[in-house]
N, C-alpha and C. Protein backbone atom coordinates (compact mmCIF):
# COMPACT_ATOMS: atom_id res chain seq x y z
N MET A 1 0.85 -1.17 0.00
CA MET A 1 0.00 0.00 0.00
C MET A 1 0.90 1.23 0.00
N ASN A 2 0.65 2.16 -0.91
CA ASN A 2 1.50 3.35 -0.95
C ASN A 2 0.91 4.47 -0.10
N ILE A 3 1.64 5.52 0.04
CA ILE A 3 1.27 6.62 0.94
C ILE A 3 0.01 7.34 0.45
N GLN A 4 -0.17 7.46 -0.86
CA GLN A 4 -1.36 8.12 -1.39
C GLN A 4 -2.63 7.34 -1.03
N THR A 5 -2.57 6.04 -1.06
CA THR A 5 -3.72 5.22 -0.71
C THR A 5 -4.06 5.38 0.76
N ILE A 6 -3.05 5.44 1.60
CA ILE A 6 -3.27 5.61 3.04
C ILE A 6 -3.91 6.97 3.33
N ILE A 7 -3.39 8.02 2.72
CA ILE A 7 -3.93 9.36 2.93
C ILE A 7 -5.37 9.44 2.43
N LEU A 8 -5.63 8.90 1.25
CA LEU A 8 -6.98 8.90 0.70
C LEU A 8 -7.94 8.12 1.60
N SER A 9 -7.50 6.99 2.12
CA SER A 9 -8.34 6.18 3.00
C SER A 9 -8.67 6.93 4.28
N LEU A 10 -7.67 7.56 4.88
CA LEU A 10 -7.90 8.33 6.11
C LEU A 10 -8.84 9.51 5.86
N THR A 11 -8.65 10.20 4.75
CA THR A 11 -9.50 11.33 4.42
C THR A 11 -10.96 10.90 4.26
N LEU A 12 -11.16 9.83 3.52
CA LEU A 12 -12.53 9.33 3.30
C LEU A 12 -13.16 8.82 4.59
N PHE A 13 -12.34 8.28 5.47
CA PHE A 13 -12.84 7.77 6.74
C PHE A 13 -13.21 8.91 7.70
N LEU A 14 -12.36 9.94 7.78
CA LEU A 14 -12.57 11.03 8.74
C LEU A 14 -13.53 12.11 8.26
N PHE A 15 -13.67 12.29 6.96
CA PHE A 15 -14.53 13.35 6.43
C PHE A 15 -15.97 13.27 6.91
N PRO A 16 -16.61 12.13 6.90
CA PRO A 16 -18.01 12.07 7.36
C PRO A 16 -18.18 12.44 8.83
N LEU A 17 -17.15 12.27 9.66
CA LEU A 17 -17.27 12.61 11.07
C LEU A 17 -17.47 14.10 11.29
N SER A 18 -16.90 14.93 10.40
CA SER A 18 -17.06 16.38 10.56
C SER A 18 -18.49 16.82 10.32
N ALA A 19 -19.27 16.04 9.63
CA ALA A 19 -20.67 16.39 9.38
C ALA A 19 -21.48 16.43 10.67
N PHE A 20 -21.05 15.72 11.69
CA PHE A 20 -21.78 15.68 12.96
C PHE A 20 -21.38 16.82 13.90
N ALA A 21 -20.38 17.61 13.54
CA ALA A 21 -19.87 18.63 14.44
C ALA A 21 -20.49 20.00 14.22
N GLY A 22 -21.37 20.15 13.27
CA GLY A 22 -21.94 21.45 12.94
C GLY A 22 -23.08 21.86 13.86
N ALA A 23 -23.69 22.97 13.50
CA ALA A 23 -24.83 23.49 14.26
C ALA A 23 -26.07 22.64 14.00
N GLY A 24 -27.13 22.93 14.72
CA GLY A 24 -28.39 22.26 14.48
C GLY A 24 -28.57 21.00 15.29
N HIS A 25 -27.77 20.83 16.32
CA HIS A 25 -27.97 19.69 17.20
C HIS A 25 -28.01 20.18 18.64
N ASP A 26 -28.36 19.33 19.53
CA ASP A 26 -28.62 19.72 20.90
C ASP A 26 -27.72 18.96 21.86
N HIS A 27 -27.27 19.63 22.91
CA HIS A 27 -26.45 18.99 23.94
C HIS A 27 -27.28 18.67 25.17
N GLY A 28 -28.56 18.54 25.00
CA GLY A 28 -29.44 18.23 26.13
C GLY A 28 -30.17 19.46 26.59
N PRO A 29 -31.10 19.27 27.49
CA PRO A 29 -31.90 20.41 27.95
C PRO A 29 -31.08 21.36 28.81
N SER A 30 -31.31 22.67 28.61
CA SER A 30 -30.63 23.63 29.47
C SER A 30 -31.39 23.71 30.79
N ARG A 31 -30.68 24.12 31.80
CA ARG A 31 -31.28 24.16 33.13
C ARG A 31 -32.29 25.30 33.20
N ALA A 32 -33.44 25.02 33.76
CA ALA A 32 -34.48 26.04 33.91
C ALA A 32 -34.01 27.09 34.92
N PRO A 33 -34.38 28.35 34.72
CA PRO A 33 -33.98 29.38 35.67
C PRO A 33 -34.52 29.09 37.07
N ALA A 34 -33.71 29.39 38.06
CA ALA A 34 -34.12 29.21 39.45
C ALA A 34 -35.04 30.36 39.85
N THR A 35 -36.00 30.07 40.69
CA THR A 35 -36.85 31.13 41.23
C THR A 35 -36.04 31.88 42.30
N GLN A 36 -36.55 33.00 42.73
CA GLN A 36 -35.86 33.77 43.76
C GLN A 36 -35.73 32.95 45.05
N SER A 37 -36.78 32.26 45.43
CA SER A 37 -36.71 31.47 46.67
C SER A 37 -35.73 30.30 46.53
N GLN A 38 -35.65 29.71 45.33
CA GLN A 38 -34.67 28.63 45.12
C GLN A 38 -33.24 29.17 45.20
N ALA A 39 -33.01 30.34 44.58
CA ALA A 39 -31.68 30.95 44.62
C ALA A 39 -31.30 31.30 46.06
N GLU A 40 -32.24 31.80 46.83
CA GLU A 40 -31.97 32.14 48.23
C GLU A 40 -31.65 30.89 49.05
N LYS A 41 -32.34 29.80 48.79
CA LYS A 41 -32.08 28.55 49.50
C LYS A 41 -30.67 28.04 49.19
N VAL A 42 -30.31 28.04 47.90
CA VAL A 42 -28.97 27.59 47.50
C VAL A 42 -27.91 28.48 48.14
N ALA A 43 -28.11 29.80 48.09
CA ALA A 43 -27.13 30.73 48.66
C ALA A 43 -26.98 30.52 50.17
N SER A 44 -28.09 30.31 50.87
CA SER A 44 -28.03 30.04 52.31
C SER A 44 -27.25 28.77 52.60
N ASP A 45 -27.47 27.74 51.79
CA ASP A 45 -26.73 26.49 51.95
C ASP A 45 -25.24 26.70 51.70
N ILE A 46 -24.90 27.53 50.72
CA ILE A 46 -23.49 27.82 50.42
C ILE A 46 -22.83 28.53 51.60
N VAL A 47 -23.51 29.52 52.16
CA VAL A 47 -22.96 30.24 53.31
C VAL A 47 -22.71 29.27 54.46
N PHE A 48 -23.66 28.40 54.72
CA PHE A 48 -23.51 27.41 55.79
C PHE A 48 -22.30 26.51 55.51
N GLN A 49 -22.16 26.04 54.28
CA GLN A 49 -21.04 25.17 53.92
C GLN A 49 -19.70 25.90 54.05
N LEU A 50 -19.65 27.16 53.63
CA LEU A 50 -18.41 27.94 53.76
C LEU A 50 -18.02 28.09 55.23
N ALA A 51 -19.01 28.31 56.09
CA ALA A 51 -18.74 28.43 57.53
C ALA A 51 -18.30 27.08 58.10
N GLU A 52 -18.94 26.00 57.66
CA GLU A 52 -18.57 24.66 58.13
C GLU A 52 -17.12 24.32 57.77
N LYS A 53 -16.68 24.78 56.60
CA LYS A 53 -15.32 24.50 56.12
C LYS A 53 -14.32 25.54 56.61
N SER A 54 -14.77 26.44 57.48
CA SER A 54 -13.93 27.50 58.05
C SER A 54 -13.37 28.46 56.99
N LYS A 55 -14.08 28.60 55.88
CA LYS A 55 -13.69 29.58 54.86
C LYS A 55 -14.13 30.98 55.30
N ILE A 56 -15.21 31.02 56.09
CA ILE A 56 -15.70 32.25 56.70
C ILE A 56 -15.99 31.93 58.17
N GLU A 57 -16.17 32.98 58.98
CA GLU A 57 -16.41 32.77 60.41
C GLU A 57 -17.70 31.99 60.66
N ALA A 58 -17.71 31.23 61.72
CA ALA A 58 -18.86 30.39 62.07
C ALA A 58 -20.13 31.20 62.32
N SER A 59 -19.98 32.46 62.72
CA SER A 59 -21.16 33.30 62.99
C SER A 59 -22.03 33.51 61.75
N TRP A 60 -21.50 33.27 60.57
CA TRP A 60 -22.28 33.41 59.34
C TRP A 60 -23.39 32.37 59.25
N LYS A 61 -23.27 31.26 59.96
CA LYS A 61 -24.28 30.20 59.89
C LYS A 61 -25.67 30.69 60.31
N ALA A 62 -25.73 31.65 61.22
CA ALA A 62 -27.01 32.11 61.76
C ALA A 62 -27.55 33.36 61.06
N VAL A 63 -26.85 33.86 60.05
CA VAL A 63 -27.23 35.11 59.40
C VAL A 63 -28.33 34.87 58.37
N LYS A 64 -29.26 35.80 58.33
CA LYS A 64 -30.37 35.74 57.37
C LYS A 64 -30.02 36.53 56.10
N ILE A 65 -30.78 36.30 55.07
CA ILE A 65 -30.58 36.99 53.79
C ILE A 65 -30.93 38.46 53.93
N GLU A 66 -30.06 39.31 53.41
CA GLU A 66 -30.35 40.75 53.38
C GLU A 66 -31.19 41.08 52.15
N LYS A 67 -30.72 40.64 50.96
CA LYS A 67 -31.52 40.83 49.74
C LYS A 67 -31.01 39.89 48.65
N SER A 68 -31.86 39.71 47.65
CA SER A 68 -31.48 38.90 46.49
C SER A 68 -32.02 39.56 45.24
N LEU A 69 -31.21 39.54 44.20
CA LEU A 69 -31.62 40.16 42.94
C LEU A 69 -30.84 39.55 41.78
N LYS A 70 -31.35 39.81 40.58
CA LYS A 70 -30.63 39.41 39.37
C LYS A 70 -29.79 40.60 38.94
N LYS A 71 -28.53 40.33 38.61
CA LYS A 71 -27.62 41.40 38.22
C LYS A 71 -26.88 40.98 36.96
N LYS A 72 -26.67 41.94 36.06
CA LYS A 72 -25.99 41.64 34.80
C LYS A 72 -24.49 41.88 34.94
N PHE A 73 -23.71 40.88 34.55
CA PHE A 73 -22.25 40.97 34.52
C PHE A 73 -21.83 40.64 33.09
N GLY A 74 -21.37 41.66 32.36
CA GLY A 74 -21.06 41.45 30.94
C GLY A 74 -22.35 41.13 30.21
N ASN A 75 -22.40 39.97 29.56
CA ASN A 75 -23.61 39.54 28.86
C ASN A 75 -24.43 38.57 29.68
N ASN A 76 -23.97 38.24 30.88
CA ASN A 76 -24.63 37.21 31.69
C ASN A 76 -25.44 37.82 32.83
N LEU A 77 -26.62 37.27 33.03
CA LEU A 77 -27.46 37.64 34.16
C LEU A 77 -27.24 36.60 35.25
N GLU A 78 -27.00 37.04 36.48
CA GLU A 78 -26.72 36.13 37.59
C GLU A 78 -27.58 36.51 38.80
N TRP A 79 -27.79 35.54 39.66
CA TRP A 79 -28.40 35.81 40.96
C TRP A 79 -27.30 36.30 41.89
N VAL A 80 -27.57 37.36 42.63
CA VAL A 80 -26.67 37.85 43.67
C VAL A 80 -27.49 37.89 44.96
N VAL A 81 -27.05 37.11 45.94
CA VAL A 81 -27.75 37.05 47.23
C VAL A 81 -26.78 37.58 48.28
N SER A 82 -27.22 38.58 49.04
CA SER A 82 -26.33 39.17 50.05
C SER A 82 -26.82 38.85 51.46
N PHE A 83 -25.83 38.74 52.34
CA PHE A 83 -26.06 38.44 53.76
C PHE A 83 -25.29 39.48 54.56
N LYS A 84 -25.88 39.96 55.65
CA LYS A 84 -25.20 40.94 56.51
C LYS A 84 -24.99 40.33 57.89
N ASN A 85 -23.74 40.44 58.37
CA ASN A 85 -23.37 39.87 59.66
C ASN A 85 -22.80 40.98 60.54
N GLU A 86 -23.60 41.46 61.47
CA GLU A 86 -23.19 42.55 62.37
C GLU A 86 -22.11 42.11 63.37
N LYS A 87 -21.91 40.81 63.52
CA LYS A 87 -20.90 40.31 64.47
C LYS A 87 -19.48 40.44 63.93
N ILE A 88 -19.34 40.72 62.65
CA ILE A 88 -18.02 40.90 62.05
C ILE A 88 -17.56 42.31 62.36
N THR A 89 -16.36 42.45 62.91
CA THR A 89 -15.88 43.77 63.33
C THR A 89 -15.41 44.64 62.16
N ASP A 90 -14.91 44.03 61.10
CA ASP A 90 -14.45 44.78 59.93
C ASP A 90 -15.67 45.14 59.06
N PRO A 91 -16.03 46.44 58.98
CA PRO A 91 -17.21 46.83 58.21
C PRO A 91 -17.15 46.40 56.74
N ALA A 92 -15.96 46.32 56.18
CA ALA A 92 -15.80 45.91 54.77
C ALA A 92 -16.14 44.44 54.56
N LYS A 93 -16.22 43.66 55.65
CA LYS A 93 -16.51 42.23 55.54
C LYS A 93 -17.81 41.84 56.23
N GLN A 94 -18.66 42.82 56.50
CA GLN A 94 -19.95 42.52 57.14
C GLN A 94 -21.00 42.04 56.15
N THR A 95 -20.82 42.34 54.88
CA THR A 95 -21.77 41.89 53.85
C THR A 95 -21.08 40.88 52.95
N LEU A 96 -21.68 39.71 52.86
CA LEU A 96 -21.17 38.62 52.02
C LEU A 96 -22.12 38.44 50.85
N TYR A 97 -21.55 38.41 49.64
CA TYR A 97 -22.33 38.25 48.42
C TYR A 97 -22.08 36.86 47.84
N ILE A 98 -23.16 36.16 47.52
CA ILE A 98 -23.08 34.85 46.88
C ILE A 98 -23.59 35.01 45.46
N PHE A 99 -22.81 34.55 44.49
CA PHE A 99 -23.16 34.65 43.08
C PHE A 99 -23.56 33.28 42.55
N LEU A 100 -24.70 33.24 41.86
CA LEU A 100 -25.22 32.00 41.29
C LEU A 100 -25.58 32.22 39.83
N THR A 101 -25.52 31.16 39.04
CA THR A 101 -26.05 31.24 37.68
C THR A 101 -27.56 31.41 37.79
N LEU A 102 -28.20 31.76 36.69
CA LEU A 102 -29.66 31.86 36.71
C LEU A 102 -30.30 30.52 37.02
N GLY A 103 -29.58 29.44 36.72
CA GLY A 103 -30.07 28.10 37.04
C GLY A 103 -29.88 27.73 38.50
N GLY A 104 -29.17 28.57 39.26
CA GLY A 104 -28.98 28.33 40.68
C GLY A 104 -27.69 27.61 41.04
N GLU A 105 -26.73 27.57 40.11
CA GLU A 105 -25.45 26.92 40.40
C GLU A 105 -24.47 27.94 40.97
N TYR A 106 -23.73 27.53 42.01
CA TYR A 106 -22.79 28.41 42.70
C TYR A 106 -21.65 28.82 41.77
N LEU A 107 -21.36 30.12 41.75
CA LEU A 107 -20.25 30.66 40.98
C LEU A 107 -19.12 31.17 41.87
N ALA A 108 -19.47 32.04 42.82
CA ALA A 108 -18.44 32.67 43.64
C ALA A 108 -19.07 33.34 44.85
N ALA A 109 -18.18 33.79 45.74
CA ALA A 109 -18.59 34.55 46.92
C ALA A 109 -17.52 35.61 47.17
N ASN A 110 -17.95 36.81 47.59
CA ASN A 110 -16.99 37.83 47.98
C ASN A 110 -17.67 38.88 48.87
N TYR A 111 -16.87 39.85 49.30
CA TYR A 111 -17.39 40.90 50.17
C TYR A 111 -17.64 42.22 49.43
N THR A 112 -17.42 42.24 48.11
CA THR A 112 -17.57 43.49 47.36
C THR A 112 -18.86 43.57 46.55
N GLY A 113 -19.39 42.45 46.14
CA GLY A 113 -20.59 42.45 45.31
C GLY A 113 -20.30 42.59 43.83
N ASP A 114 -19.03 42.63 43.48
CA ASP A 114 -18.63 42.76 42.06
C ASP A 114 -18.06 41.46 41.53
């Protein structure tokens, strides 16, 4: 078998596979958007887990939600749920923000809200 035959065989074998890589197909159902109460529940669970793992002070476990809203970051809309903890002495760290996808999946947490 010469090299031209091998190359032709490989080309003919691999060419049809590229037909399946185009648009017009589905990767499964996208996750339905979370309701506000679902997002708040997930965020509360995240705060509890962060406190359990000592990523934040244990006093955060007892803190209630301050507010929750949808906020746009770039082209993406996300849930932002904030918690206020008066027991924290540093005012810059009294408010904890939990960021979730619209589907309710955890993205990040910080003290700035950005």
